[in-house]
Amino acid sequence: MLVCPVTKGKVYYNKDSNELISLSARLAFKIEDDIPVMLESEARQIDHEEYEKFKNLFLKK
């Protein structure tokens, strides 16, 4: 099971961008050749708008 390397929290797969999303760290980890790149230095920051979109997508009840 993969977790965020920064917060040890859950990560969610975003098929549209082929990334693993950490809501707790507000980071997106790319996947290259089917291998997640779980390095904080390689992750991209998620802005507020994206965070809200992902929160609604992944945490909807």
PDB file of N, CA and C in Angstrom:
ATOM      1  N   MET A   1       0.843  -1.178   0.000  1.00  0.00           N
ATOM      2  CA  MET A   1       0.000   0.000   0.000  1.00  0.00           C
ATOM      3  C   MET A   1       0.892   1.246   0.000  1.00  0.00           C
ATOM      4  N   LEU A   2       0.588   2.158  -0.872  1.00  0.00           N
ATOM      5  CA  LEU A   2       1.349   3.403  -0.951  1.00  0.00           C
ATOM      6  C   LEU A   2       0.720   4.462  -0.060  1.00  0.00           C
ATOM      7  N   VAL A   3       1.564   5.251   0.563  1.00  0.00           N
ATOM      8  CA  VAL A   3       1.118   6.401   1.350  1.00  0.00           C
ATOM      9  C   VAL A   3       1.978   7.597   0.950  1.00  0.00           C
ATOM     10  N   CYS A   4       1.528   8.764   1.338  1.00  0.00           N
ATOM     11  CA  CYS A   4       2.291   9.975   1.080  1.00  0.00           C
ATOM     12  C   CYS A   4       3.603   9.913   1.869  1.00  0.00           C
ATOM     13  N   PRO A   5       4.734  10.134   1.215  1.00  0.00           N
ATOM     14  CA  PRO A   5       6.013  10.079   1.925  1.00  0.00           C
ATOM     15  C   PRO A   5       6.218  11.255   2.885  1.00  0.00           C
ATOM     16  N   VAL A   6       5.432  12.294   2.739  1.00  0.00           N
ATOM     17  CA  VAL A   6       5.566  13.481   3.584  1.00  0.00           C
ATOM     18  C   VAL A   6       4.729  13.347   4.849  1.00  0.00           C
ATOM     19  N   THR A   7       3.437  12.994   4.670  1.00  0.00           N
ATOM     20  CA  THR A   7       2.510  12.962   5.810  1.00  0.00           C
ATOM     21  C   THR A   7       2.158  11.553   6.267  1.00  0.00           C
ATOM     22  N   LYS A   8       2.504  10.564   5.463  1.00  0.00           N
ATOM     23  CA  LYS A   8       2.118   9.160   5.695  1.00  0.00           C
ATOM     24  C   LYS A   8       0.602   8.967   5.575  1.00  0.00           C
ATOM     25  N   GLY A   9      -0.059   9.937   4.959  1.00  0.00           N
ATOM     26  CA  GLY A   9      -1.503   9.864   4.740  1.00  0.00           C
ATOM     27  C   GLY A   9      -1.838   9.143   3.447  1.00  0.00           C
ATOM     28  N   LYS A  10      -3.119   8.984   3.233  1.00  0.00           N
ATOM     29  CA  LYS A  10      -3.639   8.287   2.060  1.00  0.00           C
ATOM     30  C   LYS A  10      -3.349   9.078   0.782  1.00  0.00           C
ATOM     31  N   VAL A  11      -3.116   8.343  -0.306  1.00  0.00           N
ATOM     32  CA  VAL A  11      -2.998   8.958  -1.627  1.00  0.00           C
ATOM     33  C   VAL A  11      -4.113   8.406  -2.510  1.00  0.00           C
ATOM     34  N   TYR A  12      -4.547   9.222  -3.448  1.00  0.00           N
ATOM     35  CA  TYR A  12      -5.652   8.877  -4.341  1.00  0.00           C
ATOM     36  C   TYR A  12      -5.163   8.933  -5.779  1.00  0.00           C
ATOM     37  N   TYR A  13      -5.623   7.988  -6.587  1.00  0.00           N
ATOM     38  CA  TYR A  13      -5.218   7.948  -7.992  1.00  0.00           C
ATOM     39  C   TYR A  13      -6.113   8.858  -8.814  1.00  0.00           C
ATOM     40  N   ASN A  14      -5.494   9.763  -9.561  1.00  0.00           N
ATOM     41  CA  ASN A  14      -6.212  10.627 -10.492  1.00  0.00           C
ATOM     42  C   ASN A  14      -5.896  10.146 -11.905  1.00  0.00           C
ATOM     43  N   LYS A  15      -6.853   9.444 -12.500  1.00  0.00           N
ATOM     44  CA  LYS A  15      -6.597   8.850 -13.817  1.00  0.00           C
ATOM     45  C   LYS A  15      -6.466   9.899 -14.915  1.00  0.00           C
ATOM     46  N   ASP A  16      -7.098  11.061 -14.750  1.00  0.00           N
ATOM     47  CA  ASP A  16      -7.014  12.095 -15.781  1.00  0.00           C
ATOM     48  C   ASP A  16      -5.585  12.602 -15.973  1.00  0.00           C
ATOM     49  N   SER A  17      -4.856  12.739 -14.880  1.00  0.00           N
ATOM     50  CA  SER A  17      -3.478  13.241 -14.972  1.00  0.00           C
ATOM     51  C   SER A  17      -2.434  12.163 -14.701  1.00  0.00           C
ATOM     52  N   ASN A  18      -2.902  10.940 -14.413  1.00  0.00           N
ATOM     53  CA  ASN A  18      -2.012   9.815 -14.095  1.00  0.00           C
ATOM     54  C   ASN A  18      -1.050  10.188 -12.960  1.00  0.00           C
ATOM     55  N   GLU A  19      -1.655  10.644 -11.855  1.00  0.00           N
ATOM     56  CA  GLU A  19      -0.888  11.058 -10.685  1.00  0.00           C
ATOM     57  C   GLU A  19      -1.515  10.470  -9.430  1.00  0.00           C
ATOM     58  N   LEU A  20      -0.707  10.377  -8.388  1.00  0.00           N
ATOM     59  CA  LEU A  20      -1.207  10.049  -7.062  1.00  0.00           C
ATOM     60  C   LEU A  20      -1.290  11.354  -6.287  1.00  0.00           C
ATOM     61  N   ILE A  21      -2.461  11.594  -5.707  1.00  0.00           N
ATOM     62  CA  ILE A  21      -2.734  12.860  -5.040  1.00  0.00           C
ATOM     63  C   ILE A  21      -2.721  12.669  -3.535  1.00  0.00           C
ATOM     64  N   SER A  22      -1.955  13.504  -2.851  1.00  0.00           N
ATOM     65  CA  SER A  22      -1.968  13.546  -1.391  1.00  0.00           C
ATOM     66  C   SER A  22      -2.687  14.820  -0.981  1.00  0.00           C
ATOM     67  N   LEU A  23      -3.912  14.660  -0.483  1.00  0.00           N
ATOM     68  CA  LEU A  23      -4.650  15.830  -0.025  1.00  0.00           C
ATOM     69  C   LEU A  23      -4.005  16.419   1.223  1.00  0.00           C
ATOM     70  N   SER A  24      -3.485  15.563   2.087  1.00  0.00           N
ATOM     71  CA  SER A  24      -2.910  16.042   3.346  1.00  0.00           C
ATOM     72  C   SER A  24      -1.648  16.883   3.129  1.00  0.00           C
ATOM     73  N   ALA A  25      -0.873  16.575   2.104  1.00  0.00           N
ATOM     74  CA  ALA A  25       0.341  17.345   1.802  1.00  0.00           C
ATOM     75  C   ALA A  25       0.117  18.347   0.675  1.00  0.00           C
ATOM     76  N   ARG A  26      -1.037  18.253   0.022  1.00  0.00           N
ATOM     77  CA  ARG A  26      -1.348  19.078  -1.148  1.00  0.00           C
ATOM     78  C   ARG A  26      -0.279  18.931  -2.228  1.00  0.00           C
ATOM     79  N   LEU A  27       0.040  17.642  -2.499  1.00  0.00           N
ATOM     80  CA  LEU A  27       1.035  17.318  -3.511  1.00  0.00           C
ATOM     81  C   LEU A  27       0.478  16.301  -4.498  1.00  0.00           C
ATOM     82  N   ALA A  28       0.983  16.351  -5.737  1.00  0.00           N
ATOM     83  CA  ALA A  28       0.646  15.377  -6.769  1.00  0.00           C
ATOM     84  C   ALA A  28       1.933  14.689  -7.202  1.00  0.00           C
ATOM     85  N   PHE A  29       1.928  13.364  -7.108  1.00  0.00           N
ATOM     86  CA  PHE A  29       3.100  12.567  -7.469  1.00  0.00           C
ATOM     87  C   PHE A  29       2.864  11.928  -8.832  1.00  0.00           C
ATOM     88  N   LYS A  30       3.779  12.177  -9.765  1.00  0.00           N
ATOM     89  CA  LYS A  30       3.615  11.641 -11.122  1.00  0.00           C
ATOM     90  C   LYS A  30       3.881  10.136 -11.138  1.00  0.00           C
ATOM     91  N   ILE A  31       3.353   9.505 -12.177  1.00  0.00           N
ATOM     92  CA  ILE A  31       3.579   8.079 -12.405  1.00  0.00           C
ATOM     93  C   ILE A  31       4.255   7.965 -13.768  1.00  0.00           C
ATOM     94  N   GLU A  32       5.443   7.372 -13.783  1.00  0.00           N
ATOM     95  CA  GLU A  32       6.207   7.208 -15.023  1.00  0.00           C
ATOM     96  C   GLU A  32       6.410   5.728 -15.299  1.00  0.00           C
ATOM     97  N   ASP A  33       6.012   5.288 -16.476  1.00  0.00           N
ATOM     98  CA  ASP A  33       6.146   3.876 -16.865  1.00  0.00           C
ATOM     99  C   ASP A  33       5.527   2.955 -15.820  1.00  0.00           C
ATOM    100  N   ASP A  34       4.356   3.340 -15.340  1.00  0.00           N
ATOM    101  CA  ASP A  34       3.592   2.582 -14.336  1.00  0.00           C
ATOM    102  C   ASP A  34       4.264   2.520 -12.967  1.00  0.00           C
ATOM    103  N   ILE A  35       5.241   3.382 -12.720  1.00  0.00           N
ATOM    104  CA  ILE A  35       5.932   3.413 -11.424  1.00  0.00           C
ATOM    105  C   ILE A  35       5.716   4.788 -10.789  1.00  0.00           C
ATOM    106  N   PRO A  36       5.093   4.831  -9.603  1.00  0.00           N
ATOM    107  CA  PRO A  36       4.899   6.117  -8.926  1.00  0.00           C
ATOM    108  C   PRO A  36       6.243   6.705  -8.476  1.00  0.00           C
ATOM    109  N   VAL A  37       6.413   7.982  -8.719  1.00  0.00           N
ATOM    110  CA  VAL A  37       7.615   8.690  -8.276  1.00  0.00           C
ATOM    111  C   VAL A  37       7.249   9.388  -6.964  1.00  0.00           C
ATOM    112  N   MET A  38       7.523   8.713  -5.865  1.00  0.00           N
ATOM    113  CA  MET A  38       7.073   9.177  -4.550  1.00  0.00           C
ATOM    114  C   MET A  38       8.159   9.990  -3.842  1.00  0.00           C
ATOM    115  N   LEU A  39       8.698  10.957  -4.547  1.00  0.00           N
ATOM    116  CA  LEU A  39       9.719  11.840  -3.994  1.00  0.00           C
ATOM    117  C   LEU A  39       9.133  13.241  -3.850  1.00  0.00           C
ATOM    118  N   GLU A  40       9.259  13.804  -2.664  1.00  0.00           N
ATOM    119  CA  GLU A  40       8.727  15.147  -2.434  1.00  0.00           C
ATOM    120  C   GLU A  40       9.337  16.150  -3.411  1.00  0.00           C
ATOM    121  N   SER A  41      10.608  15.993  -3.698  1.00  0.00           N
ATOM    122  CA  SER A  41      11.296  16.920  -4.602  1.00  0.00           C
ATOM    123  C   SER A  41      10.792  16.829  -6.046  1.00  0.00           C
ATOM    124  N   GLU A  42      10.153  15.729  -6.408  1.00  0.00           N
ATOM    125  CA  GLU A  42       9.623  15.540  -7.763  1.00  0.00           C
ATOM    126  C   GLU A  42       8.121  15.820  -7.851  1.00  0.00           C
ATOM    127  N   ALA A  43       7.472  16.010  -6.722  1.00  0.00           N
ATOM    128  CA  ALA A  43       6.019  16.229  -6.696  1.00  0.00           C
ATOM    129  C   ALA A  43       5.702  17.671  -7.076  1.00  0.00           C
ATOM    130  N   ARG A  44       4.487  17.852  -7.563  1.00  0.00           N
ATOM    131  CA  ARG A  44       4.057  19.223  -7.845  1.00  0.00           C
ATOM    132  C   ARG A  44       3.045  19.655  -6.786  1.00  0.00           C
ATOM    133  N   GLN A  45       3.081  20.931  -6.473  1.00  0.00           N
ATOM    134  CA  GLN A  45       2.185  21.505  -5.473  1.00  0.00           C
ATOM    135  C   GLN A  45       0.783  21.620  -6.062  1.00  0.00           C
ATOM    136  N   ILE A  46      -0.217  21.320  -5.253  1.00  0.00           N
ATOM    137  CA  ILE A  46      -1.615  21.464  -5.670  1.00  0.00           C
ATOM    138  C   ILE A  46      -2.129  22.799  -5.146  1.00  0.00           C
ATOM    139  N   ASP A  47      -2.664  23.623  -6.047  1.00  0.00           N
ATOM    140  CA  ASP A  47      -3.196  24.911  -5.600  1.00  0.00           C
ATOM    141  C   ASP A  47      -4.576  24.730  -4.964  1.00  0.00           C
ATOM    142  N   HIS A  48      -5.105  25.809  -4.421  1.00  0.00           N
ATOM    143  CA  HIS A  48      -6.365  25.737  -3.672  1.00  0.00           C
ATOM    144  C   HIS A  48      -7.523  25.227  -4.541  1.00  0.00           C
ATOM    145  N   GLU A  49      -7.592  25.707  -5.762  1.00  0.00           N
ATOM    146  CA  GLU A  49      -8.679  25.295  -6.664  1.00  0.00           C
ATOM    147  C   GLU A  49      -8.625  23.788  -6.946  1.00  0.00           C
ATOM    148  N   GLU A  50      -7.431  23.291  -7.245  1.00  0.00           N
ATOM    149  CA  GLU A  50      -7.255  21.853  -7.479  1.00  0.00           C
ATOM    150  C   GLU A  50      -7.563  21.049  -6.218  1.00  0.00           C
ATOM    151  N   TYR A  51      -7.091  21.555  -5.086  1.00  0.00           N
ATOM    152  CA  TYR A  51      -7.332  20.872  -3.814  1.00  0.00           C
ATOM    153  C   TYR A  51      -8.834  20.686  -3.590  1.00  0.00           C
ATOM    154  N   GLU A  52      -9.607  21.740  -3.790  1.00  0.00           N
ATOM    155  CA  GLU A  52     -11.059  21.661  -3.599  1.00  0.00           C
ATOM    156  C   GLU A  52     -11.689  20.673  -4.581  1.00  0.00           C
ATOM    157  N   LYS A  53     -11.221  20.681  -5.825  1.00  0.00           N
ATOM    158  CA  LYS A  53     -11.735  19.748  -6.836  1.00  0.00           C
ATOM    159  C   LYS A  53     -11.452  18.308  -6.424  1.00  0.00           C
ATOM    160  N   PHE A  54     -10.218  18.036  -6.034  1.00  0.00           N
ATOM    161  CA  PHE A  54      -9.848  16.679  -5.627  1.00  0.00           C
ATOM    162  C   PHE A  54     -10.554  16.264  -4.342  1.00  0.00           C
ATOM    163  N   LYS A  55     -10.688  17.181  -3.414  1.00  0.00           N
ATOM    164  CA  LYS A  55     -11.376  16.876  -2.156  1.00  0.00           C
ATOM    165  C   LYS A  55     -12.814  16.441  -2.446  1.00  0.00           C
ATOM    166  N   ASN A  56     -13.483  17.176  -3.319  1.00  0.00           N
ATOM    167  CA  ASN A  56     -14.859  16.819  -3.677  1.00  0.00           C
ATOM    168  C   ASN A  56     -14.919  15.504  -4.444  1.00  0.00           C
ATOM    169  N   LEU A  57     -13.926  15.233  -5.257  1.00  0.00           N
ATOM    170  CA  LEU A  57     -13.888  14.005  -6.048  1.00  0.00           C
ATOM    171  C   LEU A  57     -13.595  12.782  -5.180  1.00  0.00           C
ATOM    172  N   PHE A  58     -12.576  12.873  -4.351  1.00  0.00           N
ATOM    173  CA  PHE A  58     -12.114  11.708  -3.594  1.00  0.00           C
ATOM    174  C   PHE A  58     -12.822  11.506  -2.263  1.00  0.00           C
ATOM    175  N   LEU A  59     -13.335  12.571  -1.670  1.00  0.00           N
ATOM    176  CA  LEU A  59     -13.945  12.456  -0.344  1.00  0.00           C
ATOM    177  C   LEU A  59     -15.459  12.605  -0.371  1.00  0.00           C
ATOM    178  N   LYS A  60     -16.049  12.534  -1.562  1.00  0.00           N
ATOM    179  CA  LYS A  60     -17.506  12.668  -1.655  1.00  0.00           C
ATOM    180  C   LYS A  60     -18.187  11.537  -0.900  1.00  0.00           C
ATOM    181  N   LYS A  61     -19.292  11.870  -0.300  1.00  0.00           N
ATOM    182  CA  LYS A  61     -20.009  10.875   0.511  1.00  0.00           C
ATOM    183  C   LYS A  61     -21.300  10.480  -0.139  1.00  0.00           C
TER     184      LYS A  61
END
